[in-house]
Amino acid sequence: MLVLTRKKGQALVIGSNIRVVVVDVSGDYVRIGIDAPLEVPVYREELYRELQEENRASMVSRKVITELEKAMEK
């Protein structure tokens, strides 16, 4: 993991088209702004993990439904 120190108003660039700016620092909280192309999804980690879990559950459900449909055809 790369660890950087930035001050309010400073930024970092990821690749050639993603810019992350420190907007505000207050106590234990840091507000950041992310400028990225629309085709690059940006998620808070907890929401990303939840989305991944929902996708896994959906895939399992689809597999079970497919297997049930095949069993019913026989």
PDB file of N, CA and C in Angstrom:
ATOM      1  N   MET A   1       0.846  -1.175   0.000  1.00  0.00           N
ATOM      2  CA  MET A   1       0.000   0.000   0.000  1.00  0.00           C
ATOM      3  C   MET A   1       0.894   1.241   0.000  1.00  0.00           C
ATOM      4  N   LEU A   2       0.571   2.156  -0.841  1.00  0.00           N
ATOM      5  CA  LEU A   2       1.259   3.438  -0.892  1.00  0.00           C
ATOM      6  C   LEU A   2       0.581   4.369   0.099  1.00  0.00           C
ATOM      7  N   VAL A   3       1.341   4.980   0.991  1.00  0.00           N
ATOM      8  CA  VAL A   3       0.797   5.926   1.963  1.00  0.00           C
ATOM      9  C   VAL A   3       1.380   7.297   1.667  1.00  0.00           C
ATOM     10  N   LEU A   4       0.504   8.272   1.478  1.00  0.00           N
ATOM     11  CA  LEU A   4       0.922   9.631   1.155  1.00  0.00           C
ATOM     12  C   LEU A   4       0.396  10.604   2.197  1.00  0.00           C
ATOM     13  N   THR A   5       1.086  11.697   2.362  1.00  0.00           N
ATOM     14  CA  THR A   5       0.614  12.785   3.214  1.00  0.00           C
ATOM     15  C   THR A   5       0.194  13.936   2.306  1.00  0.00           C
ATOM     16  N   ARG A   6      -1.016  14.414   2.480  1.00  0.00           N
ATOM     17  CA  ARG A   6      -1.539  15.524   1.697  1.00  0.00           C
ATOM     18  C   ARG A   6      -2.177  16.513   2.646  1.00  0.00           C
ATOM     19  N   LYS A   7      -2.173  17.775   2.287  1.00  0.00           N
ATOM     20  CA  LYS A   7      -2.835  18.824   3.050  1.00  0.00           C
ATOM     21  C   LYS A   7      -4.115  19.219   2.331  1.00  0.00           C
ATOM     22  N   LYS A   8      -4.970  19.933   3.048  1.00  0.00           N
ATOM     23  CA  LYS A   8      -6.211  20.428   2.467  1.00  0.00           C
ATOM     24  C   LYS A   8      -5.893  21.181   1.170  1.00  0.00           C
ATOM     25  N   GLY A   9      -6.635  20.831   0.112  1.00  0.00           N
ATOM     26  CA  GLY A   9      -6.446  21.463  -1.185  1.00  0.00           C
ATOM     27  C   GLY A   9      -5.445  20.744  -2.080  1.00  0.00           C
ATOM     28  N   GLN A  10      -4.634  19.860  -1.511  1.00  0.00           N
ATOM     29  CA  GLN A  10      -3.676  19.113  -2.320  1.00  0.00           C
ATOM     30  C   GLN A  10      -4.355  17.884  -2.922  1.00  0.00           C
ATOM     31  N   ALA A  11      -3.753  17.353  -3.973  1.00  0.00           N
ATOM     32  CA  ALA A  11      -4.369  16.245  -4.710  1.00  0.00           C
ATOM     33  C   ALA A  11      -3.330  15.192  -5.043  1.00  0.00           C
ATOM     34  N   LEU A  12      -3.843  14.077  -5.535  1.00  0.00           N
ATOM     35  CA  LEU A  12      -2.998  13.053  -6.127  1.00  0.00           C
ATOM     36  C   LEU A  12      -3.699  12.575  -7.380  1.00  0.00           C
ATOM     37  N   VAL A  13      -2.918  12.036  -8.291  1.00  0.00           N
ATOM     38  CA  VAL A  13      -3.456  11.587  -9.573  1.00  0.00           C
ATOM     39  C   VAL A  13      -3.203  10.090  -9.697  1.00  0.00           C
ATOM     40  N   ILE A  14      -4.245   9.369 -10.104  1.00  0.00           N
ATOM     41  CA  ILE A  14      -4.151   7.930 -10.334  1.00  0.00           C
ATOM     42  C   ILE A  14      -4.300   7.711 -11.827  1.00  0.00           C
ATOM     43  N   GLY A  15      -3.309   7.064 -12.416  1.00  0.00           N
ATOM     44  CA  GLY A  15      -3.324   6.901 -13.867  1.00  0.00           C
ATOM     45  C   GLY A  15      -3.248   8.269 -14.523  1.00  0.00           C
ATOM     46  N   SER A  16      -3.921   8.415 -15.636  1.00  0.00           N
ATOM     47  CA  SER A  16      -3.889   9.708 -16.324  1.00  0.00           C
ATOM     48  C   SER A  16      -5.204  10.461 -16.230  1.00  0.00           C
ATOM     49  N   ASN A  17      -6.216   9.832 -15.588  1.00  0.00           N
ATOM     50  CA  ASN A  17      -7.527  10.490 -15.621  1.00  0.00           C
ATOM     51  C   ASN A  17      -8.324  10.422 -14.325  1.00  0.00           C
ATOM     52  N   ILE A  18      -7.687  10.105 -13.207  1.00  0.00           N
ATOM     53  CA  ILE A  18      -8.392  10.107 -11.922  1.00  0.00           C
ATOM     54  C   ILE A  18      -7.630  11.033 -10.976  1.00  0.00           C
ATOM     55  N   ARG A  19      -8.334  11.979 -10.409  1.00  0.00           N
ATOM     56  CA  ARG A  19      -7.729  12.946  -9.496  1.00  0.00           C
ATOM     57  C   ARG A  19      -8.479  12.890  -8.164  1.00  0.00           C
ATOM     58  N   VAL A  20      -7.728  12.770  -7.072  1.00  0.00           N
ATOM     59  CA  VAL A  20      -8.301  12.717  -5.727  1.00  0.00           C
ATOM     60  C   VAL A  20      -7.791  13.942  -4.972  1.00  0.00           C
ATOM     61  N   VAL A  21      -8.727  14.762  -4.461  1.00  0.00           N
ATOM     62  CA  VAL A  21      -8.375  16.017  -3.800  1.00  0.00           C
ATOM     63  C   VAL A  21      -8.816  15.969  -2.343  1.00  0.00           C
ATOM     64  N   VAL A  22      -7.955  16.419  -1.439  1.00  0.00           N
ATOM     65  CA  VAL A  22      -8.329  16.570  -0.032  1.00  0.00           C
ATOM     66  C   VAL A  22      -9.132  17.873   0.057  1.00  0.00           C
ATOM     67  N   VAL A  23     -10.428  17.751   0.339  1.00  0.00           N
ATOM     68  CA  VAL A  23     -11.315  18.907   0.376  1.00  0.00           C
ATOM     69  C   VAL A  23     -11.310  19.554   1.762  1.00  0.00           C
ATOM     70  N   ASP A  24     -11.316  18.734   2.816  1.00  0.00           N
ATOM     71  CA  ASP A  24     -11.362  19.275   4.174  1.00  0.00           C
ATOM     72  C   ASP A  24     -10.834  18.237   5.154  1.00  0.00           C
ATOM     73  N   VAL A  25     -10.261  18.720   6.235  1.00  0.00           N
ATOM     74  CA  VAL A  25      -9.807  17.859   7.319  1.00  0.00           C
ATOM     75  C   VAL A  25     -10.401  18.429   8.598  1.00  0.00           C
ATOM     76  N   SER A  26     -11.112  17.570   9.330  1.00  0.00           N
ATOM     77  CA  SER A  26     -11.748  18.011  10.566  1.00  0.00           C
ATOM     78  C   SER A  26     -11.692  16.876  11.573  1.00  0.00           C
ATOM     79  N   GLY A  27     -10.837  17.004  12.586  1.00  0.00           N
ATOM     80  CA  GLY A  27     -10.700  15.939  13.577  1.00  0.00           C
ATOM     81  C   GLY A  27     -10.227  14.658  12.923  1.00  0.00           C
ATOM     82  N   ASP A  28     -10.985  13.577  13.128  1.00  0.00           N
ATOM     83  CA  ASP A  28     -10.643  12.275  12.559  1.00  0.00           C
ATOM     84  C   ASP A  28     -11.167  12.084  11.137  1.00  0.00           C
ATOM     85  N   TYR A  29     -11.839  13.088  10.603  1.00  0.00           N
ATOM     86  CA  TYR A  29     -12.472  12.947   9.294  1.00  0.00           C
ATOM     87  C   TYR A  29     -11.742  13.729   8.212  1.00  0.00           C
ATOM     88  N   VAL A  30     -11.673  13.134   7.036  1.00  0.00           N
ATOM     89  CA  VAL A  30     -11.097  13.775   5.866  1.00  0.00           C
ATOM     90  C   VAL A  30     -12.145  13.722   4.768  1.00  0.00           C
ATOM     91  N   ARG A  31     -12.472  14.854   4.189  1.00  0.00           N
ATOM     92  CA  ARG A  31     -13.386  14.880   3.046  1.00  0.00           C
ATOM     93  C   ARG A  31     -12.530  14.896   1.796  1.00  0.00           C
ATOM     94  N   ILE A  32     -12.843  14.009   0.881  1.00  0.00           N
ATOM     95  CA  ILE A  32     -12.093  13.949  -0.367  1.00  0.00           C
ATOM     96  C   ILE A  32     -13.036  14.130  -1.543  1.00  0.00           C
ATOM     97  N   GLY A  33     -12.501  14.669  -2.599  1.00  0.00           N
ATOM     98  CA  GLY A  33     -13.228  14.782  -3.861  1.00  0.00           C
ATOM     99  C   GLY A  33     -12.540  13.897  -4.877  1.00  0.00           C
ATOM    100  N   ILE A  34     -13.328  13.219  -5.687  1.00  0.00           N
ATOM    101  CA  ILE A  34     -12.777  12.316  -6.688  1.00  0.00           C
ATOM    102  C   ILE A  34     -13.288  12.742  -8.056  1.00  0.00           C
ATOM    103  N   ASP A  35     -12.363  13.034  -8.940  1.00  0.00           N
ATOM    104  CA  ASP A  35     -12.695  13.394 -10.312  1.00  0.00           C
ATOM    105  C   ASP A  35     -12.241  12.232 -11.194  1.00  0.00           C
ATOM    106  N   ALA A  36     -13.216  11.474 -11.686  1.00  0.00           N
ATOM    107  CA  ALA A  36     -12.919  10.291 -12.496  1.00  0.00           C
ATOM    108  C   ALA A  36     -13.920  10.219 -13.650  1.00  0.00           C
ATOM    109  N   PRO A  37     -13.535   9.574 -14.734  1.00  0.00           N
ATOM    110  CA  PRO A  37     -14.475   9.397 -15.845  1.00  0.00           C
ATOM    111  C   PRO A  37     -15.717   8.622 -15.388  1.00  0.00           C
ATOM    112  N   LEU A  38     -16.838   8.868 -16.038  1.00  0.00           N
ATOM    113  CA  LEU A  38     -18.089   8.209 -15.665  1.00  0.00           C
ATOM    114  C   LEU A  38     -18.001   6.690 -15.752  1.00  0.00           C
ATOM    115  N   GLU A  39     -17.165   6.176 -16.647  1.00  0.00           N
ATOM    116  CA  GLU A  39     -17.077   4.721 -16.803  1.00  0.00           C
ATOM    117  C   GLU A  39     -16.245   4.060 -15.704  1.00  0.00           C
ATOM    118  N   VAL A  40     -15.652   4.856 -14.827  1.00  0.00           N
ATOM    119  CA  VAL A  40     -14.878   4.301 -13.714  1.00  0.00           C
ATOM    120  C   VAL A  40     -15.769   4.334 -12.463  1.00  0.00           C
ATOM    121  N   PRO A  41     -16.215   3.167 -12.005  1.00  0.00           N
ATOM    122  CA  PRO A  41     -17.066   3.163 -10.807  1.00  0.00           C
ATOM    123  C   PRO A  41     -16.253   3.522  -9.568  1.00  0.00           C
ATOM    124  N   VAL A  42     -16.853   4.332  -8.702  1.00  0.00           N
ATOM    125  CA  VAL A  42     -16.217   4.723  -7.442  1.00  0.00           C
ATOM    126  C   VAL A  42     -17.212   4.418  -6.324  1.00  0.00           C
ATOM    127  N   TYR A  43     -16.805   3.589  -5.378  1.00  0.00           N
ATOM    128  CA  TYR A  43     -17.677   3.179  -4.284  1.00  0.00           C
ATOM    129  C   TYR A  43     -16.979   3.412  -2.951  1.00  0.00           C
ATOM    130  N   ARG A  44     -17.766   3.678  -1.912  1.00  0.00           N
ATOM    131  CA  ARG A  44     -17.240   3.567  -0.560  1.00  0.00           C
ATOM    132  C   ARG A  44     -17.031   2.080  -0.314  1.00  0.00           C
ATOM    133  N   GLU A  45     -15.977   1.732   0.412  1.00  0.00           N
ATOM    134  CA  GLU A  45     -15.622   0.321   0.566  1.00  0.00           C
ATOM    135  C   GLU A  45     -16.759  -0.516   1.145  1.00  0.00           C
ATOM    136  N   GLU A  46     -17.452   0.001   2.163  1.00  0.00           N
ATOM    137  CA  GLU A  46     -18.518  -0.792   2.771  1.00  0.00           C
ATOM    138  C   GLU A  46     -19.655  -1.061   1.789  1.00  0.00           C
ATOM    139  N   LEU A  47     -19.955  -0.113   0.910  1.00  0.00           N
ATOM    140  CA  LEU A  47     -20.990  -0.339  -0.099  1.00  0.00           C
ATOM    141  C   LEU A  47     -20.504  -1.299  -1.181  1.00  0.00           C
ATOM    142  N   TYR A  48     -19.227  -1.199  -1.533  1.00  0.00           N
ATOM    143  CA  TYR A  48     -18.657  -2.108  -2.521  1.00  0.00           C
ATOM    144  C   TYR A  48     -18.730  -3.546  -2.024  1.00  0.00           C
ATOM    145  N   ARG A  49     -18.373  -3.762  -0.760  1.00  0.00           N
ATOM    146  CA  ARG A  49     -18.437  -5.117  -0.182  1.00  0.00           C
ATOM    147  C   ARG A  49     -19.870  -5.635  -0.167  1.00  0.00           C
ATOM    148  N   GLU A  50     -20.821  -4.766   0.174  1.00  0.00           N
ATOM    149  CA  GLU A  50     -22.237  -5.159   0.190  1.00  0.00           C
ATOM    150  C   GLU A  50     -22.704  -5.524  -1.220  1.00  0.00           C
ATOM    151  N   LEU A  51     -22.314  -4.737  -2.197  1.00  0.00           N
ATOM    152  CA  LEU A  51     -22.678  -5.011  -3.589  1.00  0.00           C
ATOM    153  C   LEU A  51     -22.092  -6.343  -4.048  1.00  0.00           C
ATOM    154  N   GLN A  52     -20.836  -6.613  -3.692  1.00  0.00           N
ATOM    155  CA  GLN A  52     -20.212  -7.879  -4.056  1.00  0.00           C
ATOM    156  C   GLN A  52     -20.962  -9.059  -3.437  1.00  0.00           C
ATOM    157  N   GLU A  53     -21.354  -8.921  -2.183  1.00  0.00           N
ATOM    158  CA  GLU A  53     -22.085  -9.999  -1.507  1.00  0.00           C
ATOM    159  C   GLU A  53     -23.445 -10.229  -2.168  1.00  0.00           C
ATOM    160  N   GLU A  54     -24.130  -9.152  -2.517  1.00  0.00           N
ATOM    161  CA  GLU A  54     -25.414  -9.288  -3.205  1.00  0.00           C
ATOM    162  C   GLU A  54     -25.235  -9.964  -4.562  1.00  0.00           C
ATOM    163  N   ASN A  55     -24.163  -9.624  -5.268  1.00  0.00           N
ATOM    164  CA  ASN A  55     -23.895 -10.263  -6.556  1.00  0.00           C
ATOM    165  C   ASN A  55     -23.633 -11.749  -6.382  1.00  0.00           C
ATOM    166  N   ARG A  56     -22.862 -12.116  -5.350  1.00  0.00           N
ATOM    167  CA  ARG A  56     -22.601 -13.538  -5.092  1.00  0.00           C
ATOM    168  C   ARG A  56     -23.898 -14.268  -4.767  1.00  0.00           C
ATOM    169  N   ALA A  57     -24.740 -13.668  -3.932  1.00  0.00           N
ATOM    170  CA  ALA A  57     -26.006 -14.292  -3.559  1.00  0.00           C
ATOM    171  C   ALA A  57     -26.898 -14.453  -4.783  1.00  0.00           C
ATOM    172  N   SER A  58     -26.894 -13.467  -5.651  1.00  0.00           N
ATOM    173  CA  SER A  58     -27.697 -13.529  -6.870  1.00  0.00           C
ATOM    174  C   SER A  58     -27.223 -14.659  -7.781  1.00  0.00           C
ATOM    175  N   MET A  59     -25.912 -14.823  -7.887  1.00  0.00           N
ATOM    176  CA  MET A  59     -25.370 -15.886  -8.733  1.00  0.00           C
ATOM    177  C   MET A  59     -25.755 -17.260  -8.191  1.00  0.00           C
ATOM    178  N   VAL A  60     -25.719 -17.420  -6.871  1.00  0.00           N
ATOM    179  CA  VAL A  60     -26.102 -18.695  -6.255  1.00  0.00           C
ATOM    180  C   VAL A  60     -27.579 -18.950  -6.515  1.00  0.00           C
ATOM    181  N   SER A  61     -28.408 -17.909  -6.350  1.00  0.00           N
ATOM    182  CA  SER A  61     -29.845 -18.053  -6.586  1.00  0.00           C
ATOM    183  C   SER A  61     -30.125 -18.456  -8.027  1.00  0.00           C
ATOM    184  N   ARG A  62     -29.449 -17.816  -8.971  1.00  0.00           N
ATOM    185  CA  ARG A  62     -29.650 -18.155 -10.382  1.00  0.00           C
ATOM    186  C   ARG A  62     -29.242 -19.594 -10.658  1.00  0.00           C
ATOM    187  N   LYS A  63     -28.148 -20.021 -10.059  1.00  0.00           N
ATOM    188  CA  LYS A  63     -27.678 -21.396 -10.267  1.00  0.00           C
ATOM    189  C   LYS A  63     -28.705 -22.386  -9.724  1.00  0.00           C
ATOM    190  N   VAL A  64     -29.253 -22.112  -8.537  1.00  0.00           N
ATOM    191  CA  VAL A  64     -30.248 -23.003  -7.933  1.00  0.00           C
ATOM    192  C   VAL A  64     -31.504 -23.049  -8.797  1.00  0.00           C
ATOM    193  N   ILE A  65     -31.949 -21.896  -9.281  1.00  0.00           N
ATOM    194  CA  ILE A  65     -33.154 -21.843 -10.125  1.00  0.00           C
ATOM    195  C   ILE A  65     -32.927 -22.633 -11.415  1.00  0.00           C
ATOM    196  N   THR A  66     -31.755 -22.460 -12.028  1.00  0.00           N
ATOM    197  CA  THR A  66     -31.442 -23.207 -13.254  1.00  0.00           C
ATOM    198  C   THR A  66     -31.456 -24.696 -13.002  1.00  0.00           C
ATOM    199  N   GLU A  67     -30.853 -25.116 -11.909  1.00  0.00           N
ATOM    200  CA  GLU A  67     -30.826 -26.541 -11.581  1.00  0.00           C
ATOM    201  C   GLU A  67     -32.234 -27.082 -11.332  1.00  0.00           C
ATOM    202  N   LEU A  68     -33.073 -26.298 -10.650  1.00  0.00           N
ATOM    203  CA  LEU A  68     -34.455 -26.713 -10.410  1.00  0.00           C
ATOM    204  C   LEU A  68     -35.233 -26.823 -11.715  1.00  0.00           C
ATOM    205  N   GLU A  69     -35.035 -25.861 -12.603  1.00  0.00           N
ATOM    206  CA  GLU A  69     -35.731 -25.883 -13.900  1.00  0.00           C
ATOM    207  C   GLU A  69     -35.316 -27.132 -14.699  1.00  0.00           C
ATOM    208  N   LYS A  70     -34.019 -27.435 -14.684  1.00  0.00           N
ATOM    209  CA  LYS A  70     -33.545 -28.638 -15.392  1.00  0.00           C
ATOM    210  C   LYS A  70     -34.135 -29.895 -14.787  1.00  0.00           C
ATOM    211  N   ALA A  71     -34.222 -29.955 -13.459  1.00  0.00           N
ATOM    212  CA  ALA A  71     -34.782 -31.125 -12.788  1.00  0.00           C
ATOM    213  C   ALA A  71     -36.269 -31.288 -13.110  1.00  0.00           C
ATOM    214  N   MET A  72     -36.974 -30.174 -13.227  1.00  0.00           N
ATOM    215  CA  MET A  72     -38.412 -30.230 -13.521  1.00  0.00           C
ATOM    216  C   MET A  72     -38.677 -30.656 -14.951  1.00  0.00           C
ATOM    217  N   GLU A  73     -37.733 -30.399 -15.860  1.00  0.00           N
ATOM    218  CA  GLU A  73     -37.893 -30.779 -17.260  1.00  0.00           C
ATOM    219  C   GLU A  73     -37.806 -32.286 -17.435  1.00  0.00           C
ATOM    220  N   LYS A  74     -37.132 -32.947 -16.535  1.00  0.00           N
ATOM    221  CA  LYS A  74     -36.923 -34.396 -16.662  1.00  0.00           C
ATOM    222  C   LYS A  74     -38.131 -35.174 -16.293  1.00  0.00           C
TER     223      LYS A  74
END
